[in-house]
C-alpha atoms as a PDB file:
ATOM      1  CA  UNK A   1      22.426 -24.076   8.880  1.00  0.00           C
ATOM      2  CA  UNK A   2      22.321 -25.131   5.216  1.00  0.00           C
ATOM      3  CA  UNK A   3      18.680 -24.082   4.937  1.00  0.00           C
ATOM      4  CA  UNK A   4      19.452 -20.662   6.410  1.00  0.00           C
ATOM      5  CA  UNK A   5      22.354 -20.134   4.004  1.00  0.00           C
ATOM      6  CA  UNK A   6      20.246 -21.299   1.073  1.00  0.00           C
ATOM      7  CA  UNK A   7      17.482 -18.904   2.090  1.00  0.00           C
ATOM      8  CA  UNK A   8      19.697 -15.847   2.432  1.00  0.00           C
ATOM      9  CA  UNK A   9      21.761 -16.501  -0.701  1.00  0.00           C
ATOM     10  CA  UNK A  10      18.712 -17.179  -2.884  1.00  0.00           C
ATOM     11  CA  UNK A  11      16.817 -14.220  -1.409  1.00  0.00           C
ATOM     12  CA  UNK A  12      19.785 -11.882  -1.902  1.00  0.00           C
ATOM     13  CA  UNK A  13      20.280 -13.024  -5.514  1.00  0.00           C
ATOM     14  CA  UNK A  14      16.550 -12.738  -6.274  1.00  0.00           C
ATOM     15  CA  UNK A  15      16.503  -9.248  -4.767  1.00  0.00           C
ATOM     16  CA  UNK A  16      19.586  -8.302  -6.783  1.00  0.00           C
ATOM     17  CA  UNK A  17      17.875  -9.553  -9.962  1.00  0.00           C
ATOM     18  CA  UNK A  18      14.801  -7.422  -9.273  1.00  0.00           C
ATOM     19  CA  UNK A  19      16.643  -4.320  -8.075  1.00  0.00           C
ATOM     20  CA  UNK A  20      19.014  -4.379 -11.060  1.00  0.00           C
ATOM     21  CA  UNK A  21      15.996  -4.713 -13.344  1.00  0.00           C
ATOM     22  CA  UNK A  22      14.388  -1.692 -11.663  1.00  0.00           C
ATOM     23  CA  UNK A  23      17.639   0.237 -12.102  1.00  0.00           C
ATOM     24  CA  UNK A  24      17.642  -0.660 -15.805  1.00  0.00           C
ATOM     25  CA  UNK A  25      14.063   0.615 -16.098  1.00  0.00           C
ATOM     26  CA  UNK A  26      15.161   3.934 -14.551  1.00  0.00           C
ATOM     27  CA  UNK A  27      18.466   4.299 -16.412  1.00  0.00           C
ATOM     28  CA  UNK A  28      17.348   3.204 -19.888  1.00  0.00           C
ATOM     29  CA  UNK A  29      13.607   3.840 -20.324  1.00  0.00           C
ATOM     30  CA  UNK A  30      13.830   3.914 -24.143  1.00  0.00           C
ATOM     31  CA  UNK A  31      15.521   0.506 -24.164  1.00  0.00           C
ATOM     32  CA  UNK A  32      12.844  -0.898 -21.847  1.00  0.00           C
ATOM     33  CA  UNK A  33      10.001   0.478 -23.992  1.00  0.00           C
ATOM     34  CA  UNK A  34      11.602  -1.062 -27.096  1.00  0.00           C
ATOM     35  CA  UNK A  35      12.097  -4.391 -25.312  1.00  0.00           C
ATOM     36  CA  UNK A  36       8.429  -4.386 -24.323  1.00  0.00           C
ATOM     37  CA  UNK A  37       7.429  -3.508 -27.886  1.00  0.00           C
ATOM     38  CA  UNK A  38       9.537  -6.434 -29.136  1.00  0.00           C
ATOM     39  CA  UNK A  39       7.471  -8.676 -26.868  1.00  0.00           C
ATOM     40  CA  UNK A  40       4.276  -7.257 -28.320  1.00  0.00           C
ATOM     41  CA  UNK A  41       3.414  -4.860 -25.499  1.00  0.00           C
ATOM     42  CA  UNK A  42       2.676  -1.195 -26.127  1.00  0.00           C
ATOM     43  CA  UNK A  43       2.266  -0.221 -22.486  1.00  0.00           C
ATOM     44  CA  UNK A  44       4.915   2.394 -21.709  1.00  0.00           C
ATOM     45  CA  UNK A  45       2.661   3.674 -18.926  1.00  0.00           C
ATOM     46  CA  UNK A  46       3.398   0.475 -16.993  1.00  0.00           C
ATOM     47  CA  UNK A  47       7.126   1.213 -16.697  1.00  0.00           C
ATOM     48  CA  UNK A  48       6.794   3.487 -13.613  1.00  0.00           C
ATOM     49  CA  UNK A  49       4.500   0.947 -11.946  1.00  0.00           C
ATOM     50  CA  UNK A  50       6.946  -1.868 -12.650  1.00  0.00           C
ATOM     51  CA  UNK A  51       9.814   0.166 -11.171  1.00  0.00           C
ATOM     52  CA  UNK A  52       7.883   0.549  -7.924  1.00  0.00           C
ATOM     53  CA  UNK A  53       6.847  -3.123  -7.863  1.00  0.00           C
ATOM     54  CA  UNK A  54      10.375  -4.338  -8.621  1.00  0.00           C
ATOM     55  CA  UNK A  55      11.670  -2.364  -5.642  1.00  0.00           C
ATOM     56  CA  UNK A  56       8.846  -3.001  -3.156  1.00  0.00           C
ATOM     57  CA  UNK A  57       8.596  -6.779  -3.784  1.00  0.00           C
ATOM     58  CA  UNK A  58      12.143  -7.640  -2.705  1.00  0.00           C
ATOM     59  CA  UNK A  59      11.941  -5.024   0.053  1.00  0.00           C
ATOM     60  CA  UNK A  60       8.844  -6.738   1.497  1.00  0.00           C
ATOM     61  CA  UNK A  61      10.608 -10.107   1.435  1.00  0.00           C
ATOM     62  CA  UNK A  62      13.897  -8.852   2.858  1.00  0.00           C
ATOM     63  CA  UNK A  63      12.428  -6.755   5.664  1.00  0.00           C
ATOM     64  CA  UNK A  64       9.487  -9.060   6.366  1.00  0.00           C
ATOM     65  CA  UNK A  65       7.665  -6.309   8.202  1.00  0.00           C
ATOM     66  CA  UNK A  66       4.536  -8.392   7.736  1.00  0.00           C
ATOM     67  CA  UNK A  67       4.390 -12.102   6.927  1.00  0.00           C
ATOM     68  CA  UNK A  68       1.201 -11.730   4.810  1.00  0.00           C
ATOM     69  CA  UNK A  69       2.827  -8.879   2.869  1.00  0.00           C
ATOM     70  CA  UNK A  70       5.933 -10.997   2.335  1.00  0.00           C
ATOM     71  CA  UNK A  71       3.786 -13.903   1.093  1.00  0.00           C
ATOM     72  CA  UNK A  72       1.967 -11.509  -1.252  1.00  0.00           C
ATOM     73  CA  UNK A  73       5.327 -10.334  -2.605  1.00  0.00           C
ATOM     74  CA  UNK A  74       6.367 -13.946  -3.221  1.00  0.00           C
ATOM     75  CA  UNK A  75       3.115 -14.554  -5.110  1.00  0.00           C
ATOM     76  CA  UNK A  76       3.463 -11.373  -7.166  1.00  0.00           C
ATOM     77  CA  UNK A  77       7.046 -12.202  -8.105  1.00  0.00           C
ATOM     78  CA  UNK A  78       5.995 -15.757  -9.012  1.00  0.00           C
ATOM     79  CA  UNK A  79       3.311 -14.489 -11.394  1.00  0.00           C
ATOM     80  CA  UNK A  80       5.639 -11.877 -12.852  1.00  0.00           C
ATOM     81  CA  UNK A  81       8.403 -14.409 -13.527  1.00  0.00           C
ATOM     82  CA  UNK A  82       6.013 -16.920 -15.096  1.00  0.00           C
ATOM     83  CA  UNK A  83       4.427 -14.285 -17.338  1.00  0.00           C
ATOM     84  CA  UNK A  84       7.814 -12.842 -18.248  1.00  0.00           C
ATOM     85  CA  UNK A  85       9.154 -16.251 -19.228  1.00  0.00           C
ATOM     86  CA  UNK A  86       6.030 -17.016 -21.268  1.00  0.00           C
ATOM     87  CA  UNK A  87       6.236 -13.646 -23.031  1.00  0.00           C
ATOM     88  CA  UNK A  88       9.826 -14.298 -24.080  1.00  0.00           C
ATOM     89  CA  UNK A  89       9.093 -17.848 -25.172  1.00  0.00           C
ATOM     90  CA  UNK A  90       6.046 -16.558 -27.071  1.00  0.00           C
ATOM     91  CA  UNK A  91       8.338 -14.560 -29.353  1.00  0.00           C
ATOM     92  CA  UNK A  92      10.793 -17.468 -29.487  1.00  0.00           C
ATOM     93  CA  UNK A  93      13.415 -15.738 -27.348  1.00  0.00           C
ATOM     94  CA  UNK A  94      14.754 -18.560 -25.225  1.00  0.00           C
ATOM     95  CA  UNK A  95      17.727 -16.395 -24.248  1.00  0.00           C
ATOM     96  CA  UNK A  96      15.342 -13.714 -22.968  1.00  0.00           C
ATOM     97  CA  UNK A  97      13.502 -16.265 -20.804  1.00  0.00           C
ATOM     98  CA  UNK A  98      16.659 -17.337 -18.947  1.00  0.00           C
ATOM     99  CA  UNK A  99      16.485 -14.582 -16.278  1.00  0.00           C
ATOM    100  CA  UNK A 100      12.883 -15.584 -15.541  1.00  0.00           C
ATOM    101  CA  UNK A 101      13.898 -19.239 -15.199  1.00  0.00           C
ATOM    102  CA  UNK A 102      16.789 -18.350 -12.889  1.00  0.00           C
ATOM    103  CA  UNK A 103      14.444 -16.092 -10.927  1.00  0.00           C
ATOM    104  CA  UNK A 104      11.946 -18.935 -10.511  1.00  0.00           C
ATOM    105  CA  UNK A 105      14.639 -21.222  -9.099  1.00  0.00           C
ATOM    106  CA  UNK A 106      15.810 -18.512  -6.684  1.00  0.00           C
ATOM    107  CA  UNK A 107      12.219 -17.721  -5.708  1.00  0.00           C
ATOM    108  CA  UNK A 108      11.447 -21.388  -5.001  1.00  0.00           C
ATOM    109  CA  UNK A 109      14.578 -21.787  -2.867  1.00  0.00           C
ATOM    110  CA  UNK A 110      13.847 -18.602  -0.933  1.00  0.00           C
ATOM    111  CA  UNK A 111      10.187 -19.437  -0.365  1.00  0.00           C
ATOM    112  CA  UNK A 112      10.775 -23.052   0.660  1.00  0.00           C
ATOM    113  CA  UNK A 113      13.544 -22.196   3.122  1.00  0.00           C
ATOM    114  CA  UNK A 114      12.019 -19.077   4.697  1.00  0.00           C
ATOM    115  CA  UNK A 115      10.508 -20.823   7.734  1.00  0.00           C
ATOM    116  CA  UNK A 116      13.885 -22.318   8.613  1.00  0.00           C
ATOM    117  CA  UNK A 117      15.643 -18.961   8.410  1.00  0.00           C
ATOM    118  CA  UNK A 118      13.056 -16.532   9.808  1.00  0.00           C
ATOM    119  CA  UNK A 119      11.564 -16.341  13.307  1.00  0.00           C
ATOM    120  CA  UNK A 120       7.990 -15.596  12.156  1.00  0.00           C
ATOM    121  CA  UNK A 121       6.833 -18.550  10.021  1.00  0.00           C
ATOM    122  CA  UNK A 122       4.742 -18.265   6.912  1.00  0.00           C
ATOM    123  CA  UNK A 123       1.662 -20.487   7.008  1.00  0.00           C
ATOM    124  CA  UNK A 124       2.191 -21.339   3.336  1.00  0.00           C
ATOM    125  CA  UNK A 125       5.812 -22.500   3.390  1.00  0.00           C
ATOM    126  CA  UNK A 126       6.950 -25.877   4.736  1.00  0.00           C
ATOM    127  CA  UNK A 127       8.191 -25.905   8.308  1.00  0.00           C
ATOM    128  CA  UNK A 128      11.303 -27.985   7.836  1.00  0.00           C
ATOM    129  CA  UNK A 129      13.919 -27.630   5.141  1.00  0.00           C
ATOM    130  CA  UNK A 130      13.024 -30.769   3.272  1.00  0.00           C
ATOM    131  CA  UNK A 131       9.489 -31.399   4.475  1.00  0.00           C
ATOM    132  CA  UNK A 132       8.377 -31.795   0.870  1.00  0.00           C
ATOM    133  CA  UNK A 133      10.648 -34.796   0.473  1.00  0.00           C
ATOM    134  CA  UNK A 134      10.040 -36.418   3.863  1.00  0.00           C
ATOM    135  CA  UNK A 135       8.669 -39.930   3.881  1.00  0.00           C
ATOM    136  CA  UNK A 136       5.822 -40.210   6.382  1.00  0.00           C
ATOM    137  CA  UNK A 137       6.319 -42.859   9.036  1.00  0.00           C
ATOM    138  CA  UNK A 138       3.521 -45.190  10.099  1.00  0.00           C
END
């Protein structure tokens, strides 16, 4: 029960983080372009792509229409959060890296608990809630 609650709470919060970010990209495109420029990126053409990705990633995880697609979404979000955190730390913006750090914690909790909460297991996630911490018996 605890694993299922952990999965759904972390997945919902991660999805909320990504969907609110996508909404910010739509509502304040000038702010987003300036924020990217402050990080050293001059790629305004990526904003529409990021909006789509920030909506489809959580949607793939929440709906889990396909386990491989869900696993791909987890991987994409992992890379995005790592690169986002590094970009903020690269310009010495520790405060800007906090959402990425929180996202990584939520992503890890969601990924590690998914097989306990979902009927179709992912071959990449552990089968039991704390399988990573289990002590093998002889």
